[in-house]
Amino acid sequence: MLDASLYSIDKKEFNKILVIYNSGECHVLSSSAPIKICLTELTKLVQQSLVDDGQCCVEKIEITDVCQAFYLLQDSA
């Protein structure tokens, strides 16, 4: 299923895609090596995702842990 979802993504975009697990582990999709993502960066990603979904006032959101990010995004497209 993942392969089908990635069909239209070019290599440049592929190297920018982050996979974040609810355990806090994070990888760039093109590598299995774990990377660290700070909560400030995660907050920006969550805010942008919510804006993309039409939410407003997202600048007030501040992620304090990874589980909170998953909770906020659970109903996103």
C-alpha atoms as a PDB file:
ATOM      1  CA  MET A   1       0.000   0.000   0.000  1.00  0.00           C
ATOM      2  CA  LEU A   2       2.813   2.417   0.830  1.00  0.00           C
ATOM      3  CA  ASP A   3       4.435   1.800  -2.545  1.00  0.00           C
ATOM      4  CA  ALA A   4       1.193   2.717  -4.315  1.00  0.00           C
ATOM      5  CA  SER A   5       0.942   5.918  -2.271  1.00  0.00           C
ATOM      6  CA  LEU A   6       4.484   6.937  -3.192  1.00  0.00           C
ATOM      7  CA  TYR A   7       4.136   6.349  -6.922  1.00  0.00           C
ATOM      8  CA  SER A   8       3.775  10.010  -7.899  1.00  0.00           C
ATOM      9  CA  ILE A   9       6.409  11.378  -5.513  1.00  0.00           C
ATOM     10  CA  ASP A  10       9.675  12.413  -7.122  1.00  0.00           C
ATOM     11  CA  LYS A  11      13.080  11.643  -5.565  1.00  0.00           C
ATOM     12  CA  LYS A  12      13.572  15.182  -4.236  1.00  0.00           C
ATOM     13  CA  GLU A  13      10.268  15.046  -2.346  1.00  0.00           C
ATOM     14  CA  PHE A  14      10.885  11.435  -1.284  1.00  0.00           C
ATOM     15  CA  ASN A  15      14.053  12.499   0.555  1.00  0.00           C
ATOM     16  CA  LYS A  16      12.100  15.109   2.546  1.00  0.00           C
ATOM     17  CA  ILE A  17       9.261  12.883   3.784  1.00  0.00           C
ATOM     18  CA  LEU A  18       9.385  12.189   7.509  1.00  0.00           C
ATOM     19  CA  VAL A  19       7.926   9.115   9.136  1.00  0.00           C
ATOM     20  CA  ILE A  20       7.152   9.812  12.774  1.00  0.00           C
ATOM     21  CA  TYR A  21       5.988   7.012  15.033  1.00  0.00           C
ATOM     22  CA  ASN A  22       3.934   7.599  18.164  1.00  0.00           C
ATOM     23  CA  SER A  23       6.918   6.310  20.151  1.00  0.00           C
ATOM     24  CA  GLY A  24       8.781   9.449  19.063  1.00  0.00           C
ATOM     25  CA  GLU A  25      11.065   7.598  16.659  1.00  0.00           C
ATOM     26  CA  CYS A  26      11.542   9.504  13.416  1.00  0.00           C
ATOM     27  CA  HIS A  27      13.052   8.599  10.031  1.00  0.00           C
ATOM     28  CA  VAL A  28      13.430  10.240   6.676  1.00  0.00           C
ATOM     29  CA  LEU A  29      11.505   7.880   4.391  1.00  0.00           C
ATOM     30  CA  SER A  30      14.566   7.295   2.210  1.00  0.00           C
ATOM     31  CA  SER A  31      16.601   5.987   5.176  1.00  0.00           C
ATOM     32  CA  SER A  32      16.115   3.594   8.051  1.00  0.00           C
ATOM     33  CA  ALA A  33      18.542   5.543  10.252  1.00  0.00           C
ATOM     34  CA  PRO A  34      16.658   7.310  13.043  1.00  0.00           C
ATOM     35  CA  ILE A  35      16.852  11.081  13.274  1.00  0.00           C
ATOM     36  CA  LYS A  36      15.886  13.453  16.056  1.00  0.00           C
ATOM     37  CA  ILE A  37      13.033  15.869  15.606  1.00  0.00           C
ATOM     38  CA  CYS A  38      12.628  18.640  18.135  1.00  0.00           C
ATOM     39  CA  LEU A  39       9.210  19.561  19.475  1.00  0.00           C
ATOM     40  CA  THR A  40       9.492  23.014  17.884  1.00  0.00           C
ATOM     41  CA  GLU A  41       9.908  21.446  14.430  1.00  0.00           C
ATOM     42  CA  LEU A  42       7.113  18.965  15.138  1.00  0.00           C
ATOM     43  CA  THR A  43       4.864  21.850  16.220  1.00  0.00           C
ATOM     44  CA  LYS A  44       5.481  23.623  12.898  1.00  0.00           C
ATOM     45  CA  LEU A  45       4.687  20.450  10.944  1.00  0.00           C
ATOM     46  CA  VAL A  46       1.449  19.887  12.881  1.00  0.00           C
ATOM     47  CA  GLN A  47       0.426  23.526  12.488  1.00  0.00           C
ATOM     48  CA  GLN A  48       1.010  23.372   8.717  1.00  0.00           C
ATOM     49  CA  SER A  49      -0.959  20.142   8.408  1.00  0.00           C
ATOM     50  CA  LEU A  50      -3.877  21.673  10.284  1.00  0.00           C
ATOM     51  CA  VAL A  51      -3.761  24.829   8.133  1.00  0.00           C
ATOM     52  CA  ASP A  52      -3.744  22.629   5.028  1.00  0.00           C
ATOM     53  CA  ASP A  53      -6.919  21.012   6.394  1.00  0.00           C
ATOM     54  CA  GLY A  54      -8.573  24.430   6.798  1.00  0.00           C
ATOM     55  CA  GLN A  55      -8.097  24.927  10.531  1.00  0.00           C
ATOM     56  CA  CYS A  56      -7.507  28.423  11.902  1.00  0.00           C
ATOM     57  CA  CYS A  57      -5.746  29.812  14.993  1.00  0.00           C
ATOM     58  CA  VAL A  58      -3.133  27.050  14.806  1.00  0.00           C
ATOM     59  CA  GLU A  59      -0.331  29.399  15.842  1.00  0.00           C
ATOM     60  CA  LYS A  60      -1.562  28.932  19.425  1.00  0.00           C
ATOM     61  CA  ILE A  61      -0.710  25.210  19.302  1.00  0.00           C
ATOM     62  CA  GLU A  62       2.471  24.136  21.030  1.00  0.00           C
ATOM     63  CA  ILE A  63       3.311  20.427  20.947  1.00  0.00           C
ATOM     64  CA  THR A  64       4.643  19.151  24.272  1.00  0.00           C
ATOM     65  CA  ASP A  65       4.992  15.480  23.291  1.00  0.00           C
ATOM     66  CA  VAL A  66       4.646  13.270  20.229  1.00  0.00           C
ATOM     67  CA  CYS A  67       1.379  11.701  21.408  1.00  0.00           C
ATOM     68  CA  GLN A  68      -0.220  15.152  21.415  1.00  0.00           C
ATOM     69  CA  ALA A  69       0.727  15.572  17.739  1.00  0.00           C
ATOM     70  CA  PHE A  70      -0.960  12.281  16.854  1.00  0.00           C
ATOM     71  CA  TYR A  71      -4.051  13.260  18.844  1.00  0.00           C
ATOM     72  CA  LEU A  72      -4.347  16.612  17.027  1.00  0.00           C
ATOM     73  CA  LEU A  73      -3.915  14.987  13.620  1.00  0.00           C
ATOM     74  CA  GLN A  74      -6.095  11.908  14.130  1.00  0.00           C
ATOM     75  CA  ASP A  75      -9.061  13.400  12.243  1.00  0.00           C
ATOM     76  CA  SER A  76      -6.949  15.002   9.486  1.00  0.00           C
ATOM     77  CA  ALA A  77      -7.215  13.883   5.906  1.00  0.00           C
END
